[in-house]
N, C-alpha and C. Protein backbone atom coordinates (compact mmCIF):
# COMPACT_ATOMS: atom_id res chain seq x y z
N MET A 1 -17.67 -61.15 -73.61
CA MET A 1 -16.36 -61.32 -72.76
C MET A 1 -15.53 -59.96 -73.22
N LYS A 2 -15.23 -59.93 -74.49
CA LYS A 2 -14.47 -58.88 -75.00
C LYS A 2 -15.00 -57.43 -74.72
N THR A 3 -16.34 -57.41 -74.53
CA THR A 3 -16.94 -56.18 -74.41
C THR A 3 -16.84 -55.78 -72.82
N ARG A 4 -16.92 -56.79 -72.01
CA ARG A 4 -16.81 -56.40 -70.50
C ARG A 4 -15.01 -56.05 -70.25
N ILE A 5 -14.17 -56.76 -71.03
CA ILE A 5 -12.76 -56.31 -70.92
C ILE A 5 -12.66 -55.03 -71.39
N LEU A 6 -13.66 -54.62 -72.44
CA LEU A 6 -13.17 -53.02 -72.78
C LEU A 6 -14.11 -52.13 -71.36
N LEU A 7 -15.13 -52.42 -71.25
CA LEU A 7 -15.56 -51.89 -70.09
C LEU A 7 -14.84 -51.51 -69.31
N LEU A 8 -14.11 -52.61 -68.63
CA LEU A 8 -13.26 -52.61 -67.48
C LEU A 8 -12.10 -51.67 -67.77
N ALA A 9 -11.58 -51.97 -68.72
CA ALA A 9 -10.33 -51.00 -69.30
C ALA A 9 -10.71 -49.62 -69.35
N LEU A 10 -11.73 -49.31 -69.96
CA LEU A 10 -12.24 -48.07 -69.77
C LEU A 10 -12.52 -47.59 -68.33
N LEU A 11 -12.89 -48.11 -67.52
CA LEU A 11 -13.11 -47.64 -66.29
C LEU A 11 -11.83 -47.69 -65.41
N LEU A 12 -11.14 -48.44 -65.71
CA LEU A 12 -9.72 -48.47 -65.01
C LEU A 12 -8.97 -47.12 -65.68
N ALA A 13 -8.99 -46.83 -66.63
CA ALA A 13 -8.28 -45.74 -67.59
C ALA A 13 -8.84 -44.61 -67.03
N LEU A 14 -10.13 -44.57 -66.38
CA LEU A 14 -10.94 -43.39 -65.91
C LEU A 14 -10.29 -43.13 -64.78
N LEU A 15 -10.11 -43.95 -63.80
CA LEU A 15 -9.62 -43.81 -62.26
C LEU A 15 -8.15 -43.63 -62.52
N LEU A 16 -7.53 -44.11 -63.18
CA LEU A 16 -5.81 -43.63 -63.46
C LEU A 16 -5.56 -42.36 -64.06
N ALA A 17 -6.86 -41.80 -64.63
CA ALA A 17 -6.62 -40.46 -65.23
C ALA A 17 -7.01 -39.13 -64.06
N LEU A 18 -7.65 -39.44 -62.85
CA LEU A 18 -8.16 -39.07 -62.06
C LEU A 18 -6.83 -37.87 -61.58
N PRO A 19 -6.73 -36.33 -61.60
CA PRO A 19 -5.58 -35.69 -61.20
C PRO A 19 -5.45 -35.89 -59.64
N ALA A 20 -4.11 -35.81 -59.41
CA ALA A 20 -4.02 -35.96 -58.10
C ALA A 20 -4.28 -34.87 -57.17
N GLN A 21 -4.14 -33.57 -58.06
CA GLN A 21 -4.61 -32.43 -56.91
C GLN A 21 -6.20 -32.55 -56.51
N ALA A 22 -6.81 -33.43 -57.25
CA ALA A 22 -8.31 -33.51 -56.92
C ALA A 22 -8.88 -34.14 -55.29
N ALA A 23 -7.37 -34.68 -54.76
CA ALA A 23 -7.75 -35.22 -53.50
C ALA A 23 -7.33 -34.19 -52.29
N GLU A 24 -6.80 -33.11 -52.95
CA GLU A 24 -6.69 -31.55 -52.11
C GLU A 24 -7.61 -30.90 -52.49
N GLU A 25 -8.47 -30.80 -51.09
CA GLU A 25 -9.49 -29.81 -51.50
C GLU A 25 -9.11 -28.42 -51.82
N GLY A 26 -7.86 -27.92 -51.14
CA GLY A 26 -7.35 -26.42 -51.39
C GLY A 26 -7.19 -26.26 -52.92
N ALA A 27 -6.96 -27.33 -53.45
CA ALA A 27 -6.23 -27.21 -54.85
C ALA A 27 -7.42 -26.54 -55.98
N ARG A 28 -8.75 -27.22 -55.51
CA ARG A 28 -9.68 -26.93 -56.36
C ARG A 28 -10.11 -25.44 -56.16
N LYS A 29 -10.59 -24.72 -57.12
CA LYS A 29 -11.42 -23.59 -57.02
C LYS A 29 -12.44 -23.60 -56.35
N LYS A 30 -12.95 -22.71 -55.28
CA LYS A 30 -14.28 -22.59 -54.99
C LYS A 30 -15.42 -21.97 -55.68
N VAL A 31 -16.42 -22.32 -55.98
CA VAL A 31 -17.46 -22.09 -56.85
C VAL A 31 -18.47 -21.71 -55.99
N ASP A 32 -18.82 -20.14 -55.52
CA ASP A 32 -19.97 -19.83 -54.76
C ASP A 32 -21.38 -19.63 -55.83
N LEU A 33 -22.19 -20.31 -55.31
CA LEU A 33 -23.43 -20.26 -55.85
C LEU A 33 -24.64 -19.99 -55.01
N PRO A 34 -26.00 -19.44 -55.26
CA PRO A 34 -26.96 -19.32 -54.25
C PRO A 34 -27.39 -21.02 -54.28
N ASP A 35 -27.70 -21.16 -52.82
CA ASP A 35 -27.96 -22.32 -52.34
C ASP A 35 -29.11 -22.77 -53.25
N MET A 36 -29.87 -22.41 -53.75
CA MET A 36 -31.06 -23.20 -54.70
C MET A 36 -30.48 -23.72 -55.86
N MET A 37 -29.54 -22.75 -56.28
CA MET A 37 -28.78 -23.17 -57.67
C MET A 37 -27.83 -24.24 -57.40
N LYS A 38 -26.94 -24.35 -56.08
CA LYS A 38 -26.08 -25.00 -55.67
C LYS A 38 -27.01 -26.82 -56.06
N GLN A 39 -27.78 -26.38 -55.45
CA GLN A 39 -29.05 -28.06 -55.26
C GLN A 39 -28.96 -28.20 -56.71
N HIS A 40 -29.49 -27.22 -57.31
CA HIS A 40 -29.90 -27.97 -59.03
C HIS A 40 -28.71 -28.24 -59.66
N MET A 41 -27.45 -27.73 -59.69
CA MET A 41 -26.29 -28.38 -60.10
C MET A 41 -25.90 -29.44 -59.52
N LEU A 42 -25.97 -29.63 -58.34
CA LEU A 42 -25.68 -31.11 -58.10
C LEU A 42 -26.63 -32.00 -58.13
N SER A 43 -27.96 -31.64 -58.49
CA SER A 43 -28.90 -32.77 -58.77
C SER A 43 -28.25 -32.95 -60.34
N ASN A 44 -28.13 -32.13 -61.06
CA ASN A 44 -27.75 -32.33 -62.32
C ASN A 44 -26.51 -33.10 -62.70
N MET A 45 -25.64 -33.16 -61.82
CA MET A 45 -24.29 -33.79 -61.82
C MET A 45 -24.72 -34.92 -61.17
N ARG A 46 -25.45 -35.25 -60.30
CA ARG A 46 -25.97 -37.08 -60.07
C ARG A 46 -26.87 -37.63 -61.15
N ASP A 47 -27.53 -36.60 -62.02
CA ASP A 47 -28.24 -37.35 -63.00
C ASP A 47 -27.26 -37.51 -64.41
N HIS A 48 -25.92 -36.57 -64.19
CA HIS A 48 -25.46 -37.19 -65.36
C HIS A 48 -24.39 -38.38 -64.85
N LEU A 49 -24.33 -38.74 -63.64
CA LEU A 49 -23.58 -40.23 -63.13
C LEU A 49 -24.35 -41.15 -63.51
N VAL A 50 -25.73 -41.09 -63.01
CA VAL A 50 -26.73 -41.97 -63.15
C VAL A 50 -26.69 -42.39 -64.98
N THR A 51 -26.81 -41.24 -65.66
CA THR A 51 -26.73 -41.36 -67.23
C THR A 51 -25.68 -41.97 -67.57
N LEU A 52 -24.69 -41.99 -67.10
CA LEU A 52 -23.16 -42.54 -67.50
C LEU A 52 -23.08 -43.78 -67.27
N HIS A 53 -24.00 -44.19 -65.96
CA HIS A 53 -24.03 -45.80 -65.65
C HIS A 53 -24.95 -46.55 -66.54
N GLU A 54 -26.05 -45.79 -67.03
CA GLU A 54 -27.13 -46.19 -68.04
C GLU A 54 -26.30 -46.62 -69.22
N ILE A 55 -25.71 -45.65 -69.75
CA ILE A 55 -25.02 -45.66 -71.01
C ILE A 55 -24.02 -46.87 -70.91
N HIS A 56 -22.96 -47.01 -69.82
CA HIS A 56 -22.19 -48.13 -69.88
C HIS A 56 -22.95 -49.44 -69.79
N THR A 57 -24.19 -49.57 -69.11
CA THR A 57 -25.11 -50.77 -68.97
C THR A 57 -25.53 -51.36 -70.40
N LEU A 58 -26.05 -49.97 -71.19
CA LEU A 58 -26.55 -50.50 -72.77
C LEU A 58 -25.24 -50.59 -73.70
N LEU A 59 -23.93 -49.94 -73.19
CA LEU A 59 -23.06 -50.73 -73.88
C LEU A 59 -22.64 -51.79 -73.85
N GLY A 60 -22.76 -52.27 -72.66
CA GLY A 60 -22.19 -53.92 -72.15
C GLY A 60 -23.42 -54.66 -72.89
N ARG A 61 -24.41 -54.24 -73.23
CA ARG A 61 -25.52 -55.16 -73.62
C ARG A 61 -25.58 -55.24 -75.17
N GLY A 62 -24.62 -54.23 -75.47
CA GLY A 62 -24.46 -53.99 -77.38
C GLY A 62 -25.74 -53.18 -77.87
N GLU A 63 -26.11 -52.49 -76.91
CA GLU A 63 -27.37 -51.88 -77.17
C GLU A 63 -26.77 -50.28 -77.67
N LEU A 64 -26.10 -50.26 -78.53
CA LEU A 64 -25.29 -48.72 -78.70
C LEU A 64 -26.24 -47.82 -79.25
N ASP A 65 -27.24 -48.10 -80.20
CA ASP A 65 -28.25 -47.06 -80.65
C ASP A 65 -28.81 -46.58 -79.55
N LYS A 66 -29.30 -47.32 -78.67
CA LYS A 66 -30.04 -46.94 -77.26
C LYS A 66 -29.32 -45.89 -76.53
N ALA A 67 -27.94 -46.56 -76.20
CA ALA A 67 -26.73 -45.74 -75.45
C ALA A 67 -26.78 -44.36 -76.20
N GLY A 68 -26.53 -44.06 -77.41
CA GLY A 68 -26.59 -43.08 -78.30
C GLY A 68 -27.79 -42.08 -77.91
N GLU A 69 -29.19 -42.63 -77.72
CA GLU A 69 -30.26 -41.68 -77.96
C GLU A 69 -30.37 -41.30 -76.21
N VAL A 70 -29.63 -41.89 -75.15
CA VAL A 70 -29.85 -41.68 -73.72
C VAL A 70 -28.85 -40.61 -73.72
N ALA A 71 -27.57 -40.90 -74.33
CA ALA A 71 -26.53 -39.70 -74.16
C ALA A 71 -26.91 -38.22 -74.92
N GLU A 72 -27.60 -38.28 -75.98
CA GLU A 72 -28.06 -37.09 -76.48
C GLU A 72 -29.17 -36.46 -75.91
N ALA A 73 -30.21 -37.23 -75.44
CA ALA A 73 -31.27 -36.65 -74.50
C ALA A 73 -30.65 -36.32 -73.07
N ARG A 74 -29.95 -36.96 -72.55
CA ARG A 74 -29.63 -36.38 -70.84
C ARG A 74 -28.33 -35.78 -70.62
N LEU A 75 -27.47 -35.89 -71.67
CA LEU A 75 -26.18 -35.34 -71.60
C LEU A 75 -25.63 -34.40 -72.85
N GLY A 76 -26.36 -34.74 -74.20
CA GLY A 76 -25.75 -33.99 -75.14
C GLY A 76 -26.36 -32.42 -75.08
N MET A 77 -26.12 -31.95 -76.63
CA MET A 77 -26.53 -30.33 -76.66
C MET A 77 -28.09 -30.37 -76.63
N SER A 78 -28.81 -31.52 -76.67
CA SER A 78 -30.38 -31.49 -76.58
C SER A 78 -30.74 -31.52 -75.08
N SER A 79 -29.83 -31.59 -74.33
CA SER A 79 -30.08 -31.51 -72.79
C SER A 79 -30.17 -30.27 -71.89
N LEU A 80 -29.63 -29.53 -72.41
CA LEU A 80 -29.41 -28.22 -72.29
C LEU A 80 -30.39 -27.41 -71.55
N VAL A 81 -31.61 -27.60 -72.40
CA VAL A 81 -32.82 -26.62 -71.63
C VAL A 81 -33.28 -27.37 -70.48
N SER A 82 -32.87 -28.58 -70.37
CA SER A 82 -33.82 -29.40 -69.30
C SER A 82 -32.89 -29.15 -67.99
N HIS A 83 -31.62 -28.96 -68.48
CA HIS A 83 -30.60 -28.66 -67.22
C HIS A 83 -30.47 -27.10 -66.76
N ASN A 84 -31.54 -26.22 -67.36
CA ASN A 84 -31.41 -24.90 -67.31
C ASN A 84 -29.95 -24.31 -67.21
N ALA A 85 -29.50 -24.86 -68.38
CA ALA A 85 -27.76 -24.22 -68.76
C ALA A 85 -27.53 -22.94 -68.80
N ALA A 86 -28.58 -21.96 -69.50
CA ALA A 86 -28.14 -20.76 -69.59
C ALA A 86 -28.37 -19.98 -68.44
N HIS A 87 -29.38 -20.82 -67.48
CA HIS A 87 -29.74 -19.90 -66.27
C HIS A 87 -28.28 -20.08 -65.50
N MET A 88 -27.91 -21.04 -65.44
CA MET A 88 -26.64 -21.38 -64.75
C MET A 88 -25.35 -20.81 -64.93
N ALA A 89 -24.98 -21.00 -66.09
CA ALA A 89 -23.93 -20.35 -66.76
C ALA A 89 -23.20 -19.28 -66.14
N PRO A 90 -23.94 -18.29 -66.32
CA PRO A 90 -23.55 -17.12 -65.70
C PRO A 90 -22.88 -16.84 -64.20
N TYR A 91 -23.08 -18.15 -63.44
CA TYR A 91 -22.71 -18.01 -62.14
C TYR A 91 -21.18 -18.86 -62.01
N MET A 92 -20.93 -19.63 -63.43
CA MET A 92 -19.85 -20.38 -63.07
C MET A 92 -18.59 -19.88 -63.75
N PRO A 93 -17.40 -19.84 -63.43
CA PRO A 93 -16.19 -19.45 -63.90
C PRO A 93 -15.97 -19.64 -65.36
N LYS A 94 -15.51 -19.04 -66.29
CA LYS A 94 -15.43 -19.32 -67.54
C LYS A 94 -14.87 -20.91 -67.64
N GLU A 95 -13.75 -20.92 -66.96
CA GLU A 95 -13.18 -22.51 -67.29
C GLU A 95 -13.94 -23.45 -66.92
N MET A 96 -14.93 -23.31 -65.91
CA MET A 96 -16.14 -24.21 -65.73
C MET A 96 -17.35 -24.64 -66.56
N GLN A 97 -17.54 -23.26 -67.11
CA GLN A 97 -18.48 -23.06 -68.39
C GLN A 97 -17.91 -23.87 -69.43
N ALA A 98 -16.59 -23.65 -69.79
CA ALA A 98 -15.88 -24.50 -71.11
C ALA A 98 -15.84 -25.77 -70.89
N ALA A 99 -15.86 -26.34 -69.81
CA ALA A 99 -15.86 -28.01 -69.38
C ALA A 99 -17.12 -28.48 -69.61
N GLY A 100 -18.09 -27.87 -68.88
CA GLY A 100 -19.32 -27.82 -69.40
C GLY A 100 -19.91 -28.04 -70.97
N THR A 101 -19.75 -26.98 -71.28
CA THR A 101 -20.09 -26.97 -72.90
C THR A 101 -19.24 -28.13 -73.41
N GLU A 102 -18.11 -28.06 -73.41
CA GLU A 102 -17.25 -29.32 -74.09
C GLU A 102 -17.70 -30.56 -73.79
N MET A 103 -18.13 -31.00 -72.58
CA MET A 103 -18.80 -32.22 -71.84
C MET A 103 -20.30 -32.47 -72.89
N HIS A 104 -20.96 -31.66 -73.20
CA HIS A 104 -22.21 -31.32 -73.69
C HIS A 104 -21.74 -31.94 -75.25
N HIS A 105 -20.94 -31.26 -75.87
CA HIS A 105 -20.71 -31.49 -77.16
C HIS A 105 -20.18 -32.74 -77.36
N ALA A 106 -19.51 -33.23 -76.54
CA ALA A 106 -18.54 -34.66 -76.44
C ALA A 106 -19.65 -35.54 -76.53
N ALA A 107 -21.06 -35.47 -75.44
CA ALA A 107 -21.75 -36.24 -75.29
C ALA A 107 -22.85 -36.43 -76.96
N SER A 108 -22.84 -35.49 -77.54
CA SER A 108 -23.70 -35.20 -78.71
C SER A 108 -22.49 -36.17 -79.88
N ARG A 109 -21.45 -35.85 -79.92
CA ARG A 109 -20.43 -36.53 -80.55
C ARG A 109 -20.67 -38.12 -80.33
N PHE A 110 -20.47 -38.37 -79.06
CA PHE A 110 -20.64 -39.68 -78.58
C PHE A 110 -22.01 -40.52 -79.16
N ALA A 111 -22.95 -39.60 -79.00
CA ALA A 111 -24.34 -40.34 -79.55
C ALA A 111 -24.36 -40.70 -80.94
N ILE A 112 -23.48 -39.87 -81.96
CA ILE A 112 -23.49 -40.24 -83.20
C ILE A 112 -22.79 -41.17 -83.35
N THR A 113 -21.57 -41.32 -82.77
CA THR A 113 -20.42 -42.48 -83.06
C THR A 113 -21.17 -43.86 -82.14
N ALA A 114 -21.81 -43.82 -81.33
CA ALA A 114 -22.49 -45.05 -80.75
C ALA A 114 -23.76 -45.55 -81.82
N LYS A 115 -24.17 -44.67 -82.51
CA LYS A 115 -25.26 -45.11 -83.30
C LYS A 115 -24.39 -45.66 -84.51
N GLU A 116 -23.29 -45.53 -85.18
CA GLU A 116 -22.45 -46.22 -85.88
C GLU A 116 -22.42 -47.53 -85.86
N GLY A 117 -22.35 -48.17 -84.37
CA GLY A 117 -22.10 -49.46 -83.93
C GLY A 117 -20.93 -50.08 -83.75
N ASP A 118 -19.68 -48.99 -83.70
CA ASP A 118 -18.51 -49.75 -83.61
C ASP A 118 -18.03 -49.68 -81.93
N LEU A 119 -18.22 -50.86 -81.15
CA LEU A 119 -18.21 -50.40 -79.72
C LEU A 119 -16.75 -49.69 -79.53
N PRO A 120 -15.42 -50.32 -80.09
CA PRO A 120 -14.50 -49.62 -79.52
C PRO A 120 -14.41 -48.11 -79.60
N ARG A 121 -14.70 -47.44 -80.88
CA ARG A 121 -14.76 -46.51 -81.24
C ARG A 121 -15.78 -45.50 -80.47
N ALA A 122 -17.09 -46.16 -79.92
CA ALA A 122 -17.65 -45.35 -79.21
C ALA A 122 -17.26 -45.41 -77.76
N LEU A 123 -16.65 -46.41 -77.10
CA LEU A 123 -16.09 -46.21 -75.89
C LEU A 123 -14.88 -44.75 -75.74
N GLU A 124 -14.03 -44.93 -77.05
CA GLU A 124 -13.24 -43.87 -77.05
C GLU A 124 -13.79 -42.50 -77.26
N SER A 125 -15.15 -42.77 -77.59
CA SER A 125 -15.74 -41.26 -77.97
C SER A 125 -16.30 -40.88 -76.25
N LEU A 126 -16.97 -41.82 -75.66
CA LEU A 126 -17.40 -41.90 -74.47
C LEU A 126 -16.44 -41.38 -73.63
N SER A 127 -15.07 -41.64 -73.56
CA SER A 127 -14.22 -41.31 -72.93
C SER A 127 -13.61 -39.61 -73.25
N LYS A 128 -14.20 -39.13 -73.97
CA LYS A 128 -13.84 -37.70 -74.11
C LYS A 128 -15.29 -36.94 -73.52
N VAL A 129 -16.16 -37.58 -73.17
CA VAL A 129 -17.23 -37.03 -72.25
C VAL A 129 -16.51 -36.83 -70.59
N THR A 130 -16.01 -38.22 -70.29
CA THR A 130 -15.82 -38.15 -68.75
C THR A 130 -14.55 -37.44 -68.94
N ALA A 131 -13.60 -37.33 -69.55
CA ALA A 131 -12.65 -36.39 -69.51
C ALA A 131 -13.15 -35.28 -69.28
N GLN A 132 -13.99 -34.76 -69.57
CA GLN A 132 -14.53 -33.44 -69.09
C GLN A 132 -15.01 -33.37 -67.78
N CYS A 133 -15.72 -34.66 -67.23
CA CYS A 133 -16.19 -34.59 -65.69
C CYS A 133 -14.91 -34.49 -64.88
N VAL A 134 -14.02 -35.36 -65.34
CA VAL A 134 -13.00 -35.51 -64.45
C VAL A 134 -11.92 -34.20 -64.33
N ALA A 135 -11.77 -33.14 -65.78
CA ALA A 135 -11.35 -32.43 -65.63
C ALA A 135 -12.22 -31.07 -64.57
N CYS A 136 -13.19 -31.06 -64.71
CA CYS A 136 -14.19 -29.94 -63.64
C CYS A 136 -14.13 -30.52 -62.63
N HIS A 137 -14.45 -31.59 -62.20
CA HIS A 137 -14.43 -31.85 -60.67
C HIS A 137 -13.14 -31.68 -60.13
N GLY A 138 -11.67 -31.90 -61.01
CA GLY A 138 -10.52 -31.82 -60.53
C GLY A 138 -10.15 -30.30 -60.28
N ALA A 139 -10.62 -29.45 -60.94
CA ALA A 139 -10.50 -27.92 -60.82
C ALA A 139 -11.52 -27.39 -59.71
N PHE A 140 -12.81 -27.60 -59.94
CA PHE A 140 -13.52 -26.91 -59.07
C PHE A 140 -14.53 -27.67 -58.01
N ARG A 141 -15.07 -27.12 -57.14
CA ARG A 141 -16.02 -27.46 -55.88
C ARG A 141 -16.96 -26.44 -55.56
N LEU A 142 -18.00 -26.83 -55.38
CA LEU A 142 -19.17 -25.96 -54.98
C LEU A 142 -18.73 -25.54 -53.45
N ASN A 143 -19.18 -24.33 -52.98
CA ASN A 143 -18.73 -23.99 -51.91
C ASN A 143 -20.26 -23.99 -51.01
C-alpha cells in the first residue's frame, strides 16, 4: 500500500510540474530535423516512455534491482549507442542536447540508487530523470 501511495504521489507531482507554457505550441522552440531523423527521435522518445512505465511497474513490485538494470540499459549512459545519440546531437539546439545528456546521466544515477534498495530515494532519483523529459518537452517541439 505504501509503495502504491508513493508511486501515485510521484505521478501527481510529475503532472503538476508540467510547465504552463507547454500547452502553448508557440511557446516551444521548433526543431527542424530531416524526416528520417525525426522519426528516429520520436521512436526513441516513445521507447523512453515505455521504459519509464516498465521502471514504475518494477518499482511497484519492489524489484528495484531490475528497475535499475532496465534504466541503465535503456535510458542511462549505456544506452547512448543504441539511441544513435552522437549522430542525432548535432541537429539539436544546445539546450536540447543538454537536457538529453542530463536525462541519460540522471537515469544512470537512478540505476545506482535503485540497486541500493531504498524505494523513497529511488523514486526521488527517478524524478530527476522525468524532470528532464518535462523540461525538454516544455521547451521544444519537432517540426
